[in-house]
Amino acid sequence: MDNTATAEKTKDNAPYPVATDRKICSRVLLGPEGRVVIEHDGQRYLLRQTHAGKLILTK
């Protein structure tokens, strides 16, 4: 049995980070403002950092 397709499917749908995922520093992503607008499928989302250092994504 070929497990390659199964492994790729698991990687693409994994709800947790895997070794091959791209990484970006939140400071680079959010910039000095601590927030960034992300467009996805025609929708806009705001990703921001709270005063406590947590990340919140809102539509």
PDB file of N, CA and C in Angstrom:
ATOM      1  N   MET A   1       0.842  -1.177   0.000  1.00  0.00           N
ATOM      2  CA  MET A   1       0.000   0.000   0.000  1.00  0.00           C
ATOM      3  C   MET A   1       0.889   1.243   0.000  1.00  0.00           C
ATOM      4  N   ASP A   2       0.529   2.241  -0.822  1.00  0.00           N
ATOM      5  CA  ASP A   2       1.292   3.482  -0.922  1.00  0.00           C
ATOM      6  C   ASP A   2       0.786   4.481   0.110  1.00  0.00           C
ATOM      7  N   ASN A   3       1.628   4.853   1.045  1.00  0.00           N
ATOM      8  CA  ASN A   3       1.243   5.787   2.103  1.00  0.00           C
ATOM      9  C   ASN A   3       1.547   7.239   1.754  1.00  0.00           C
ATOM     10  N   THR A   4       2.125   7.494   0.570  1.00  0.00           N
ATOM     11  CA  THR A   4       2.499   8.853   0.190  1.00  0.00           C
ATOM     12  C   THR A   4       1.289   9.763   0.128  1.00  0.00           C
ATOM     13  N   ALA A   5       0.232   9.339  -0.545  1.00  0.00           N
ATOM     14  CA  ALA A   5      -0.974  10.163  -0.669  1.00  0.00           C
ATOM     15  C   ALA A   5      -1.603  10.407   0.696  1.00  0.00           C
ATOM     16  N   THR A   6      -1.613   9.391   1.531  1.00  0.00           N
ATOM     17  CA  THR A   6      -2.176   9.533   2.874  1.00  0.00           C
ATOM     18  C   THR A   6      -1.358  10.525   3.693  1.00  0.00           C
ATOM     19  N   ALA A   7      -0.043  10.447   3.611  1.00  0.00           N
ATOM     20  CA  ALA A   7       0.824  11.357   4.358  1.00  0.00           C
ATOM     21  C   ALA A   7       0.634  12.792   3.890  1.00  0.00           C
ATOM     22  N   GLU A   8       0.518  13.004   2.564  1.00  0.00           N
ATOM     23  CA  GLU A   8       0.314  14.353   2.046  1.00  0.00           C
ATOM     24  C   GLU A   8      -1.037  14.903   2.476  1.00  0.00           C
ATOM     25  N   LYS A   9      -2.077  14.063   2.459  1.00  0.00           N
ATOM     26  CA  LYS A   9      -3.405  14.507   2.879  1.00  0.00           C
ATOM     27  C   LYS A   9      -3.391  14.898   4.357  1.00  0.00           C
ATOM     28  N   THR A  10      -2.731  14.108   5.182  1.00  0.00           N
ATOM     29  CA  THR A  10      -2.638  14.405   6.610  1.00  0.00           C
ATOM     30  C   THR A  10      -1.911  15.719   6.827  1.00  0.00           C
ATOM     31  N   LYS A  11      -0.817  15.935   6.097  1.00  0.00           N
ATOM     32  CA  LYS A  11      -0.046  17.169   6.240  1.00  0.00           C
ATOM     33  C   LYS A  11      -0.891  18.377   5.872  1.00  0.00           C
ATOM     34  N   ASP A  12      -1.624  18.310   4.771  1.00  0.00           N
ATOM     35  CA  ASP A  12      -2.433  19.434   4.301  1.00  0.00           C
ATOM     36  C   ASP A  12      -3.570  19.769   5.253  1.00  0.00           C
ATOM     37  N   ASN A  13      -4.098  18.789   5.961  1.00  0.00           N
ATOM     38  CA  ASN A  13      -5.256  18.997   6.828  1.00  0.00           C
ATOM     39  C   ASN A  13      -4.922  18.946   8.314  1.00  0.00           C
ATOM     40  N   ALA A  14      -3.647  18.854   8.645  1.00  0.00           N
ATOM     41  CA  ALA A  14      -3.260  18.717  10.048  1.00  0.00           C
ATOM     42  C   ALA A  14      -3.640  19.969  10.835  1.00  0.00           C
ATOM     43  N   PRO A  15      -4.317  19.811  11.981  1.00  0.00           N
ATOM     44  CA  PRO A  15      -4.709  20.960  12.804  1.00  0.00           C
ATOM     45  C   PRO A  15      -3.574  21.451  13.701  1.00  0.00           C
ATOM     46  N   TYR A  16      -2.390  20.956  13.470  1.00  0.00           N
ATOM     47  CA  TYR A  16      -1.231  21.305  14.277  1.00  0.00           C
ATOM     48  C   TYR A  16      -0.050  21.523  13.332  1.00  0.00           C
ATOM     49  N   PRO A  17       0.962  22.268  13.748  1.00  0.00           N
ATOM     50  CA  PRO A  17       2.112  22.518  12.871  1.00  0.00           C
ATOM     51  C   PRO A  17       2.878  21.238  12.555  1.00  0.00           C
ATOM     52  N   VAL A  18       3.352  21.152  11.317  1.00  0.00           N
ATOM     53  CA  VAL A  18       4.222  20.051  10.907  1.00  0.00           C
ATOM     54  C   VAL A  18       5.543  20.658  10.442  1.00  0.00           C
ATOM     55  N   ALA A  19       6.572  19.847  10.361  1.00  0.00           N
ATOM     56  CA  ALA A  19       7.923  20.328  10.078  1.00  0.00           C
ATOM     57  C   ALA A  19       8.032  21.098   8.764  1.00  0.00           C
ATOM     58  N   THR A  20       7.202  20.786   7.788  1.00  0.00           N
ATOM     59  CA  THR A  20       7.306  21.429   6.474  1.00  0.00           C
ATOM     60  C   THR A  20       6.490  22.712   6.352  1.00  0.00           C
ATOM     61  N   ASP A  21       5.745  23.092   7.390  1.00  0.00           N
ATOM     62  CA  ASP A  21       4.971  24.339   7.342  1.00  0.00           C
ATOM     63  C   ASP A  21       5.903  25.546   7.272  1.00  0.00           C
ATOM     64  N   ARG A  22       5.471  26.586   6.548  1.00  0.00           N
ATOM     65  CA  ARG A  22       6.218  27.838   6.522  1.00  0.00           C
ATOM     66  C   ARG A  22       6.023  28.548   7.855  1.00  0.00           C
ATOM     67  N   LYS A  23       7.044  29.283   8.294  1.00  0.00           N
ATOM     68  CA  LYS A  23       6.952  30.040   9.541  1.00  0.00           C
ATOM     69  C   LYS A  23       7.218  31.508   9.241  1.00  0.00           C
ATOM     70  N   ILE A  24       6.527  32.390   9.941  1.00  0.00           N
ATOM     71  CA  ILE A  24       6.781  33.820   9.852  1.00  0.00           C
ATOM     72  C   ILE A  24       6.652  34.402  11.255  1.00  0.00           C
ATOM     73  N   CYS A  25       7.557  35.269  11.604  1.00  0.00           N
ATOM     74  CA  CYS A  25       7.538  35.910  12.919  1.00  0.00           C
ATOM     75  C   CYS A  25       6.319  36.822  13.005  1.00  0.00           C
ATOM     76  N   SER A  26       5.582  36.750  14.093  1.00  0.00           N
ATOM     77  CA  SER A  26       4.378  37.568  14.229  1.00  0.00           C
ATOM     78  C   SER A  26       4.699  39.054  14.166  1.00  0.00           C
ATOM     79  N   ARG A  27       5.859  39.454  14.639  1.00  0.00           N
ATOM     80  CA  ARG A  27       6.246  40.872  14.570  1.00  0.00           C
ATOM     81  C   ARG A  27       6.399  41.331  13.125  1.00  0.00           C
ATOM     82  N   VAL A  28       6.907  40.453  12.281  1.00  0.00           N
ATOM     83  CA  VAL A  28       7.040  40.776  10.859  1.00  0.00           C
ATOM     84  C   VAL A  28       5.657  40.844  10.217  1.00  0.00           C
ATOM     85  N   LEU A  29       4.804  39.897  10.547  1.00  0.00           N
ATOM     86  CA  LEU A  29       3.459  39.837   9.975  1.00  0.00           C
ATOM     87  C   LEU A  29       2.595  41.014  10.418  1.00  0.00           C
ATOM     88  N   LEU A  30       2.615  41.337  11.692  1.00  0.00           N
ATOM     89  CA  LEU A  30       1.742  42.374  12.246  1.00  0.00           C
ATOM     90  C   LEU A  30       2.310  43.779  12.106  1.00  0.00           C
ATOM     91  N   GLY A  31       3.618  43.885  11.957  1.00  0.00           N
ATOM     92  CA  GLY A  31       4.254  45.188  11.831  1.00  0.00           C
ATOM     93  C   GLY A  31       4.196  45.975  13.130  1.00  0.00           C
ATOM     94  N   PRO A  32       4.671  47.212  13.088  1.00  0.00           N
ATOM     95  CA  PRO A  32       4.708  48.026  14.305  1.00  0.00           C
ATOM     96  C   PRO A  32       3.316  48.374  14.831  1.00  0.00           C
ATOM     97  N   GLU A  33       2.301  48.274  13.965  1.00  0.00           N
ATOM     98  CA  GLU A  33       0.929  48.577  14.384  1.00  0.00           C
ATOM     99  C   GLU A  33       0.328  47.461  15.227  1.00  0.00           C
ATOM    100  N   GLY A  34       0.887  46.248  15.096  1.00  0.00           N
ATOM    101  CA  GLY A  34       0.353  45.113  15.841  1.00  0.00           C
ATOM    102  C   GLY A  34      -0.918  44.547  15.239  1.00  0.00           C
ATOM    103  N   ARG A  35      -1.140  44.819  13.944  1.00  0.00           N
ATOM    104  CA  ARG A  35      -2.361  44.340  13.286  1.00  0.00           C
ATOM    105  C   ARG A  35      -2.139  44.269  11.781  1.00  0.00           C
ATOM    106  N   VAL A  36      -2.879  43.385  11.138  1.00  0.00           N
ATOM    107  CA  VAL A  36      -2.794  43.240   9.691  1.00  0.00           C
ATOM    108  C   VAL A  36      -4.148  42.761   9.172  1.00  0.00           C
ATOM    109  N   VAL A  37      -4.529  43.236   7.989  1.00  0.00           N
ATOM    110  CA  VAL A  37      -5.752  42.770   7.340  1.00  0.00           C
ATOM    111  C   VAL A  37      -5.357  41.645   6.392  1.00  0.00           C
ATOM    112  N   ILE A  38      -6.074  40.534   6.485  1.00  0.00           N
ATOM    113  CA  ILE A  38      -5.829  39.368   5.638  1.00  0.00           C
ATOM    114  C   ILE A  38      -7.043  39.183   4.743  1.00  0.00           C
ATOM    115  N   GLU A  39      -6.820  39.101   3.426  1.00  0.00           N
ATOM    116  CA  GLU A  39      -7.911  38.827   2.497  1.00  0.00           C
ATOM    117  C   GLU A  39      -7.888  37.345   2.157  1.00  0.00           C
ATOM    118  N   HIS A  40      -9.059  36.709   2.269  1.00  0.00           N
ATOM    119  CA  HIS A  40      -9.188  35.275   1.996  1.00  0.00           C
ATOM    120  C   HIS A  40     -10.540  35.022   1.350  1.00  0.00           C
ATOM    121  N   ASP A  41     -10.537  34.481   0.153  1.00  0.00           N
ATOM    122  CA  ASP A  41     -11.774  34.180  -0.582  1.00  0.00           C
ATOM    123  C   ASP A  41     -12.714  35.379  -0.644  1.00  0.00           C
ATOM    124  N   GLY A  42     -12.156  36.561  -0.896  1.00  0.00           N
ATOM    125  CA  GLY A  42     -12.971  37.756  -1.032  1.00  0.00           C
ATOM    126  C   GLY A  42     -13.429  38.371   0.278  1.00  0.00           C
ATOM    127  N   GLN A  43     -13.044  37.787   1.390  1.00  0.00           N
ATOM    128  CA  GLN A  43     -13.416  38.305   2.710  1.00  0.00           C
ATOM    129  C   GLN A  43     -12.188  38.937   3.361  1.00  0.00           C
ATOM    130  N   ARG A  44     -12.428  39.938   4.201  1.00  0.00           N
ATOM    131  CA  ARG A  44     -11.335  40.591   4.921  1.00  0.00           C
ATOM    132  C   ARG A  44     -11.406  40.217   6.401  1.00  0.00           C
ATOM    133  N   TYR A  45     -10.251  39.886   6.940  1.00  0.00           N
ATOM    134  CA  TYR A  45     -10.127  39.519   8.348  1.00  0.00           C
ATOM    135  C   TYR A  45      -9.059  40.395   8.981  1.00  0.00           C
ATOM    136  N   LEU A  46      -9.243  40.716  10.242  1.00  0.00           N
ATOM    137  CA  LEU A  46      -8.258  41.490  10.981  1.00  0.00           C
ATOM    138  C   LEU A  46      -7.562  40.572  11.982  1.00  0.00           C
ATOM    139  N   LEU A  47      -6.255  40.462  11.858  1.00  0.00           N
ATOM    140  CA  LEU A  47      -5.448  39.732  12.829  1.00  0.00           C
ATOM    141  C   LEU A  47      -4.725  40.779  13.659  1.00  0.00           C
ATOM    142  N   ARG A  48      -4.930  40.734  14.969  1.00  0.00           N
ATOM    143  CA  ARG A  48      -4.307  41.734  15.828  1.00  0.00           C
ATOM    144  C   ARG A  48      -3.780  41.089  17.098  1.00  0.00           C
ATOM    145  N   GLN A  49      -2.835  41.782  17.701  1.00  0.00           N
ATOM    146  CA  GLN A  49      -2.269  41.333  18.964  1.00  0.00           C
ATOM    147  C   GLN A  49      -2.885  42.145  20.091  1.00  0.00           C
ATOM    148  N   THR A  50      -3.307  41.464  21.147  1.00  0.00           N
ATOM    149  CA  THR A  50      -3.895  42.143  22.302  1.00  0.00           C
ATOM    150  C   THR A  50      -2.785  42.695  23.199  1.00  0.00           C
ATOM    151  N   HIS A  51      -3.181  43.490  24.175  1.00  0.00           N
ATOM    152  CA  HIS A  51      -2.210  44.020  25.143  1.00  0.00           C
ATOM    153  C   HIS A  51      -1.557  42.893  25.933  1.00  0.00           C
ATOM    154  N   ALA A  52      -2.259  41.766  26.067  1.00  0.00           N
ATOM    155  CA  ALA A  52      -1.719  40.610  26.796  1.00  0.00           C
ATOM    156  C   ALA A  52      -0.814  39.749  25.917  1.00  0.00           C
ATOM    157  N   GLY A  53      -0.673  40.120  24.629  1.00  0.00           N
ATOM    158  CA  GLY A  53       0.210  39.377  23.737  1.00  0.00           C
ATOM    159  C   GLY A  53      -0.459  38.246  22.986  1.00  0.00           C
ATOM    160  N   LYS A  54      -1.767  38.099  23.115  1.00  0.00           N
ATOM    161  CA  LYS A  54      -2.502  37.049  22.405  1.00  0.00           C
ATOM    162  C   LYS A  54      -2.858  37.534  21.005  1.00  0.00           C
ATOM    163  N   LEU A  55      -3.102  36.589  20.094  1.00  0.00           N
ATOM    164  CA  LEU A  55      -3.531  36.932  18.743  1.00  0.00           C
ATOM    165  C   LEU A  55      -5.020  36.680  18.604  1.00  0.00           C
ATOM    166  N   ILE A  56      -5.717  37.627  17.970  1.00  0.00           N
ATOM    167  CA  ILE A  56      -7.151  37.494  17.738  1.00  0.00           C
ATOM    168  C   ILE A  56      -7.419  37.740  16.262  1.00  0.00           C
ATOM    169  N   LEU A  57      -8.172  36.829  15.635  1.00  0.00           N
ATOM    170  CA  LEU A  57      -8.575  36.959  14.237  1.00  0.00           C
ATOM    171  C   LEU A  57     -10.071  37.210  14.205  1.00  0.00           C
ATOM    172  N   THR A  58     -10.484  38.343  13.619  1.00  0.00           N
ATOM    173  CA  THR A  58     -11.907  38.676  13.530  1.00  0.00           C
ATOM    174  C   THR A  58     -12.263  38.983  12.089  1.00  0.00           C
ATOM    175  N   LYS A  59     -13.528  38.768  11.772  1.00  0.00           N
ATOM    176  CA  LYS A  59     -14.025  39.021  10.422  1.00  0.00           C
ATOM    177  C   LYS A  59     -14.554  40.421  10.337  1.00  0.00           C
TER     178      LYS A  59
END
